[in-house]
């Protein structure tokens, strides 16, 4: 087995943030209200982007860290904080259909790096995907075919079983929760 020293980190921000708020709410025993249809969320929970990068990189040199999410309000500082910690941030306006461009952007950017490393750098690395959506199955399949190791990171309650079965490693953000957010 090859020794991979570099990694590509791809983050579906909404998946990590929303599932993190739900996880935090469960830990604090925040209950669903009588009229609530969705799981309770701790709206005070925030991602510490620098800590998230360090935990996920886990000693690997980061080739690129890409975070994709919805366009925030003009006075929001979240994306600036992510940029300051080393993420390339890409945002899309949220539509009534949801965030369809986010997953597609992550797959496209992931494929760009995988093939750049195949043809230019002539070596594979580790793909570290932070999402639980099964929309990423083709990306994981391609990374595997091209000799990359794959790690799936997400909150245990939101990981696609199909995606988890395809990854070389599954790492739950539940286990590092206290180190990646506040």
Protein backbone atom coordinates (compact mmCIF):
# COMPACT_ATOMS: atom_id res chain seq x y z
CA UNK A 1 0.00 0.00 0.00
CA UNK A 2 1.24 3.46 -0.91
CA UNK A 3 2.13 6.02 1.76
CA UNK A 4 -0.05 9.05 1.13
CA UNK A 5 1.32 12.25 2.62
CA UNK A 6 -1.01 14.76 0.95
CA UNK A 7 -4.75 15.29 1.03
CA UNK A 8 -7.58 17.14 -0.64
CA UNK A 9 -10.29 18.32 1.76
CA UNK A 10 -13.79 18.97 0.38
CA UNK A 11 -16.47 20.36 2.71
CA UNK A 12 -20.22 20.54 2.14
CA UNK A 13 -20.70 23.38 4.63
CA UNK A 14 -24.46 23.06 5.03
CA UNK A 15 -24.21 19.35 5.75
CA UNK A 16 -21.52 19.83 8.40
CA UNK A 17 -23.08 22.93 9.96
CA UNK A 18 -26.69 21.70 10.09
CA UNK A 19 -25.74 18.23 11.34
CA UNK A 20 -23.38 19.84 13.87
CA UNK A 21 -26.24 21.99 15.20
CA UNK A 22 -28.42 18.88 15.50
CA UNK A 23 -25.65 16.94 17.25
CA UNK A 24 -25.11 19.82 19.68
CA UNK A 25 -28.86 19.99 20.39
CA UNK A 26 -28.95 16.25 21.17
CA UNK A 27 -25.98 16.60 23.53
CA UNK A 28 -27.74 19.43 25.33
CA UNK A 29 -31.06 17.56 25.41
CA UNK A 30 -32.82 20.31 23.46
CA UNK A 31 -36.22 18.87 22.66
CA UNK A 32 -38.42 19.29 19.62
CA UNK A 33 -41.33 21.68 20.19
CA UNK A 34 -44.90 20.42 19.75
CA UNK A 35 -45.25 22.15 16.37
CA UNK A 36 -41.72 21.45 15.11
CA UNK A 37 -41.39 19.15 12.13
CA UNK A 38 -37.59 19.13 12.03
CA UNK A 39 -35.02 17.85 14.49
CA UNK A 40 -34.00 20.44 17.10
CA UNK A 41 -30.89 22.49 16.35
CA UNK A 42 -28.52 24.45 18.57
CA UNK A 43 -28.39 27.75 16.67
CA UNK A 44 -25.50 28.95 18.84
CA UNK A 45 -23.12 26.22 17.64
CA UNK A 46 -20.37 27.40 15.27
CA UNK A 47 -17.66 25.58 13.32
CA UNK A 48 -14.08 26.45 14.22
CA UNK A 49 -12.65 26.21 10.69
CA UNK A 50 -9.00 26.11 11.72
CA UNK A 51 -9.62 23.27 14.16
CA UNK A 52 -11.74 21.44 11.59
CA UNK A 53 -8.88 21.59 9.07
CA UNK A 54 -6.32 20.36 11.60
CA UNK A 55 -8.50 17.47 12.78
CA UNK A 56 -9.39 16.30 9.30
CA UNK A 57 -5.89 16.74 7.81
CA UNK A 58 -4.52 14.64 10.68
CA UNK A 59 -0.90 15.20 9.70
CA UNK A 60 -1.35 15.13 5.93
CA UNK A 61 -0.11 18.10 3.90
CA UNK A 62 -3.18 19.86 2.51
CA UNK A 63 -3.12 20.16 -1.29
CA UNK A 64 -6.28 22.22 -1.26
CA UNK A 65 -9.19 22.75 1.12
CA UNK A 66 -12.45 23.70 -0.57
CA UNK A 67 -15.61 24.66 1.29
CA UNK A 68 -18.84 25.16 -0.64
CA UNK A 69 -22.07 26.56 0.77
CA UNK A 70 -24.91 29.01 0.43
CA UNK A 71 -24.42 32.71 0.05
CA UNK A 72 -24.72 34.32 3.52
CA UNK A 73 -26.26 37.70 4.36
CA UNK A 74 -23.97 40.67 3.53
CA UNK A 75 -23.03 41.27 7.20
CA UNK A 76 -22.02 37.64 7.85
CA UNK A 77 -18.37 36.93 8.69
CA UNK A 78 -18.42 33.12 8.51
CA UNK A 79 -16.85 32.85 5.06
CA UNK A 80 -14.11 35.33 5.94
CA UNK A 81 -13.23 33.20 8.95
CA UNK A 82 -13.08 30.09 6.75
CA UNK A 83 -10.83 31.87 4.22
CA UNK A 84 -8.51 33.08 6.98
CA UNK A 85 -8.08 29.46 8.12
CA UNK A 86 -7.05 28.25 4.67
CA UNK A 87 -10.25 27.29 2.88
CA UNK A 88 -11.09 28.29 -0.67
CA UNK A 89 -14.73 29.32 -0.24
CA UNK A 90 -17.29 29.02 -3.02
CA UNK A 91 -20.87 30.14 -2.47
CA UNK A 92 -24.12 29.82 -4.37
CA UNK A 93 -27.43 31.53 -3.91
CA UNK A 94 -29.91 29.21 -2.26
CA UNK A 95 -32.91 28.49 -4.47
CA UNK A 96 -36.31 27.05 -3.67
CA UNK A 97 -34.95 23.69 -4.83
CA UNK A 98 -32.22 23.89 -2.15
CA UNK A 99 -28.49 23.73 -2.70
CA UNK A 100 -28.19 21.73 -5.89
CA UNK A 101 -25.06 23.55 -7.08
CA UNK A 102 -23.12 22.85 -3.88
CA UNK A 103 -22.71 19.08 -4.32
CA UNK A 104 -22.06 19.46 -8.05
CA UNK A 105 -19.35 22.06 -7.41
CA UNK A 106 -17.63 19.82 -4.87
CA UNK A 107 -17.67 16.86 -7.26
CA UNK A 108 -16.35 18.98 -10.15
CA UNK A 109 -13.56 20.54 -8.07
CA UNK A 110 -12.64 17.17 -6.58
CA UNK A 111 -12.35 15.61 -10.04
CA UNK A 112 -10.18 18.51 -11.24
CA UNK A 113 -7.66 17.91 -8.47
CA UNK A 114 -7.72 14.12 -8.82
CA UNK A 115 -6.93 14.33 -12.54
CA UNK A 116 -4.38 17.12 -12.10
CA UNK A 117 -2.55 14.87 -9.67
CA UNK A 118 -2.80 11.94 -12.06
CA UNK A 119 -1.43 13.73 -15.13
CA UNK A 120 0.71 16.56 -13.73
CA UNK A 121 1.91 15.49 -10.30
CA UNK A 122 1.94 11.77 -11.21
CA UNK A 123 0.83 10.64 -7.75
CA UNK A 124 -2.39 10.01 -5.85
CA UNK A 125 -3.30 11.44 -2.45
CA UNK A 126 -6.11 11.15 0.10
CA UNK A 127 -9.56 12.54 -0.64
CA UNK A 128 -11.18 13.68 2.60
CA UNK A 129 -14.86 14.39 1.97
CA UNK A 130 -16.96 16.08 4.63
CA UNK A 131 -20.54 15.26 3.75
CA UNK A 132 -22.92 12.39 4.13
CA UNK A 133 -24.83 12.77 0.87
CA UNK A 134 -24.91 9.88 -1.56
CA UNK A 135 -24.55 12.47 -4.36
CA UNK A 136 -20.80 11.97 -3.90
CA UNK A 137 -20.75 8.28 -4.90
CA UNK A 138 -19.29 9.05 -8.38
CA UNK A 139 -16.50 11.15 -6.83
CA UNK A 140 -15.54 8.40 -4.37
CA UNK A 141 -15.64 5.81 -7.18
CA UNK A 142 -13.39 7.94 -9.39
CA UNK A 143 -10.92 8.64 -6.60
CA UNK A 144 -10.68 4.92 -5.87
CA UNK A 145 -10.18 4.05 -9.57
CA UNK A 146 -7.37 6.60 -9.78
CA UNK A 147 -5.53 5.09 -6.83
CA UNK A 148 -6.56 7.62 -4.18
CA UNK A 149 -7.37 6.73 -0.59
CA UNK A 150 -10.78 8.01 0.48
CA UNK A 151 -11.99 9.19 3.86
CA UNK A 152 -15.59 10.08 4.54
CA UNK A 153 -16.14 12.50 7.41
CA UNK A 154 -19.57 13.39 8.75
CA UNK A 155 -21.88 13.15 11.69
CA UNK A 156 -22.89 9.55 12.23
CA UNK A 157 -26.61 10.27 11.96
CA UNK A 158 -26.24 11.73 8.46
CA UNK A 159 -23.82 9.40 6.68
CA UNK A 160 -25.11 7.57 3.64
CA UNK A 161 -24.57 3.84 4.18
CA UNK A 162 -23.74 3.38 0.48
CA UNK A 163 -21.13 6.15 0.57
CA UNK A 164 -19.64 4.87 3.83
CA UNK A 165 -19.26 1.36 2.40
CA UNK A 166 -17.27 2.73 -0.55
CA UNK A 167 -14.78 4.83 1.44
CA UNK A 168 -11.48 3.39 2.67
CA UNK A 169 -12.14 5.00 6.05
CA UNK A 170 -15.13 6.54 7.77
CA UNK A 171 -14.44 9.10 10.47
CA UNK A 172 -17.29 10.58 12.45
CA UNK A 173 -17.29 14.21 13.40
CA UNK A 174 -19.13 13.06 16.54
CA UNK A 175 -15.74 11.86 17.84
CA UNK A 176 -14.03 15.23 17.38
CA UNK A 177 -17.05 17.45 18.04
CA UNK A 178 -15.58 19.25 21.05
CA UNK A 179 -12.48 20.14 19.05
CA UNK A 180 -14.18 21.44 15.86
CA UNK A 181 -16.82 23.79 17.18
CA UNK A 182 -18.15 25.95 19.93
